[in-house]
């Protein structure tokens, strides 16, 4: 069977779940620890991912560069950020599925303002999750050297 949009979206959903696993068991002091002046905290990273989801959606809908300033998430409450992150991601995936179901993966789309093929543009969404999972892991290891990354992330569901 041919590789489809459903396969690409399943990969995007898996990358988001991979990111979210990094948040399990975070201590309160780890949410706002900043490894350097130009680095995001984990709390800021959640808000950033919400903005990215919204920007990707807006770009796909309009075919233009997203208005990042208008899409910025300013919420600070962790529980609310997690809800907003789920909502923004669900809306993005639903739009892609609804708009491009059955479309060839080489269909041209707008991804963050640039034109590219559907299969590449959707798969690219995973890069944000993997990149920011690494940031969270680095903060966790820096603030808790006893944290066992491999057991926490790969040791089971």
Protein backbone atom coordinates (compact mmCIF):
# COMPACT_ATOMS: atom_id res chain seq x y z
CA UNK A 1 0.00 0.00 0.00
CA UNK A 2 1.23 3.50 -0.84
CA UNK A 3 2.40 5.95 1.79
CA UNK A 4 -0.42 8.42 2.49
CA UNK A 5 -1.25 11.63 4.29
CA UNK A 6 -2.62 9.49 7.13
CA UNK A 7 0.83 7.96 7.54
CA UNK A 8 2.46 11.39 7.65
CA UNK A 9 -0.11 12.69 10.16
CA UNK A 10 0.41 9.60 12.32
CA UNK A 11 4.09 10.50 12.41
CA UNK A 12 3.27 14.06 13.45
CA UNK A 13 0.97 12.78 16.19
CA UNK A 14 3.70 10.41 17.40
CA UNK A 15 6.23 13.25 17.56
CA UNK A 16 3.85 15.32 19.71
CA UNK A 17 3.36 12.35 22.06
CA UNK A 18 7.15 11.98 22.21
CA UNK A 19 7.44 15.63 23.26
CA UNK A 20 4.70 15.28 25.87
CA UNK A 21 6.45 12.28 27.47
CA UNK A 22 9.27 14.65 28.40
CA UNK A 23 6.85 16.62 30.61
CA UNK A 24 5.82 13.64 32.74
CA UNK A 25 7.04 14.01 36.31
CA UNK A 26 8.40 17.54 35.99
CA UNK A 27 8.99 19.24 39.31
CA UNK A 28 7.51 22.69 39.89
CA UNK A 29 10.97 24.35 39.88
CA UNK A 30 11.81 22.88 36.47
CA UNK A 31 9.02 24.66 34.57
CA UNK A 32 10.73 28.06 34.82
CA UNK A 33 14.41 27.13 34.99
CA UNK A 34 16.35 28.89 32.25
CA UNK A 35 19.64 27.36 31.12
CA UNK A 36 20.82 30.66 29.62
CA UNK A 37 19.56 34.18 28.93
CA UNK A 38 18.47 33.40 25.35
CA UNK A 39 16.92 30.00 26.14
CA UNK A 40 13.26 29.25 26.67
CA UNK A 41 11.94 27.78 29.88
CA UNK A 42 9.74 24.69 29.61
CA UNK A 43 6.69 26.87 30.33
CA UNK A 44 7.71 29.22 27.50
CA UNK A 45 8.29 26.23 25.23
CA UNK A 46 4.68 25.10 25.68
CA UNK A 47 3.45 28.58 24.73
CA UNK A 48 5.85 28.56 21.76
CA UNK A 49 4.49 25.24 20.48
CA UNK A 50 0.93 26.60 20.69
CA UNK A 51 2.04 29.58 18.62
CA UNK A 52 3.75 27.26 16.13
CA UNK A 53 0.63 25.12 15.75
CA UNK A 54 -1.46 28.23 15.17
CA UNK A 55 1.09 29.65 12.72
CA UNK A 56 1.23 26.42 10.71
CA UNK A 57 -2.57 26.36 10.55
CA UNK A 58 -2.83 30.00 9.50
CA UNK A 59 -0.18 29.52 6.82
CA UNK A 60 -1.97 26.47 5.41
CA UNK A 61 -5.31 28.32 5.43
CA UNK A 62 -4.09 31.58 3.89
CA UNK A 63 -1.14 30.51 1.78
CA UNK A 64 0.91 33.28 3.35
CA UNK A 65 3.45 33.98 6.07
CA UNK A 66 1.67 33.71 9.43
CA UNK A 67 1.16 36.73 11.66
CA UNK A 68 3.28 35.47 14.55
CA UNK A 69 2.64 38.52 16.72
CA UNK A 70 -1.12 38.01 16.58
CA UNK A 71 -0.74 34.28 17.30
CA UNK A 72 1.52 34.56 20.37
CA UNK A 73 0.28 32.69 23.42
CA UNK A 74 0.66 34.62 26.68
CA UNK A 75 -0.99 32.12 29.06
CA UNK A 76 1.27 31.16 32.00
CA UNK A 77 -0.80 28.54 33.83
CA UNK A 78 0.63 25.08 33.07
CA UNK A 79 -2.71 23.25 33.13
CA UNK A 80 -4.25 25.81 30.78
CA UNK A 81 -1.17 25.74 28.51
CA UNK A 82 -1.49 21.98 28.20
CA UNK A 83 -5.17 22.31 27.24
CA UNK A 84 -4.37 25.02 24.69
CA UNK A 85 -1.55 22.90 23.27
CA UNK A 86 -3.90 19.96 22.78
CA UNK A 87 -6.50 22.25 21.18
CA UNK A 88 -4.04 23.92 18.80
CA UNK A 89 -2.56 20.60 17.74
CA UNK A 90 -5.96 18.95 17.28
CA UNK A 91 -7.15 21.89 15.16
CA UNK A 92 -4.03 21.75 13.00
CA UNK A 93 -4.25 18.00 12.39
CA UNK A 94 -8.01 18.17 11.75
CA UNK A 95 -7.55 20.94 9.20
CA UNK A 96 -4.82 19.03 7.37
CA UNK A 97 -6.89 15.86 7.37
CA UNK A 98 -10.06 17.61 6.24
CA UNK A 99 -8.50 19.86 3.62
CA UNK A 100 -5.98 17.44 2.11
CA UNK A 101 -7.55 13.99 2.57
CA UNK A 102 -6.93 12.08 -0.62
CA UNK A 103 -4.58 14.74 -2.02
CA UNK A 104 -1.29 13.51 -3.44
CA UNK A 105 1.66 14.07 -1.12
CA UNK A 106 3.27 16.22 -3.81
CA UNK A 107 0.42 18.77 -3.66
CA UNK A 108 1.89 22.24 -3.13
CA UNK A 109 1.02 23.84 0.22
CA UNK A 110 2.17 26.83 2.19
CA UNK A 111 4.16 25.93 5.28
CA UNK A 112 5.12 28.85 7.52
CA UNK A 113 4.98 31.14 4.48
CA UNK A 114 7.04 28.97 2.13
CA UNK A 115 5.74 26.72 -0.62
CA UNK A 116 6.54 23.02 -0.47
CA UNK A 117 5.04 19.64 -1.09
CA UNK A 118 2.31 18.45 1.30
CA UNK A 119 4.24 15.37 2.47
CA UNK A 120 7.30 17.42 3.34
CA UNK A 121 5.40 20.34 4.88
CA UNK A 122 3.32 18.14 7.18
CA UNK A 123 6.28 15.96 8.16
CA UNK A 124 8.26 19.12 8.97
CA UNK A 125 5.84 19.81 11.83
CA UNK A 126 7.53 16.96 13.75
CA UNK A 127 10.83 18.85 13.79
CA UNK A 128 9.45 21.32 16.33
CA UNK A 129 8.40 18.54 18.69
CA UNK A 130 11.71 16.70 18.45
CA UNK A 131 13.75 19.90 18.84
CA UNK A 132 11.82 21.03 21.90
CA UNK A 133 11.84 17.54 23.43
CA UNK A 134 15.62 17.88 23.41
CA UNK A 135 15.38 21.25 25.15
CA UNK A 136 13.14 19.82 27.86
CA UNK A 137 15.45 16.83 28.30
CA UNK A 138 18.46 19.12 28.68
CA UNK A 139 16.70 21.19 31.34
CA UNK A 140 15.62 18.07 33.20
CA UNK A 141 19.11 16.60 33.18
CA UNK A 142 20.66 19.93 34.22
CA UNK A 143 18.25 20.37 37.13
CA UNK A 144 18.06 16.71 38.14
CA UNK A 145 21.21 14.75 37.24
CA UNK A 146 19.61 11.59 38.66
CA UNK A 147 16.76 11.74 36.11
CA UNK A 148 17.01 8.66 33.92
CA UNK A 149 16.21 9.88 30.44
CA UNK A 150 16.14 6.49 28.77
CA UNK A 151 13.94 4.84 31.37
CA UNK A 152 11.57 7.83 31.44
CA UNK A 153 11.25 8.24 27.68
CA UNK A 154 11.84 4.75 26.28
CA UNK A 155 11.22 2.53 29.30
CA UNK A 156 7.55 1.92 28.69
CA UNK A 157 4.27 3.63 28.21
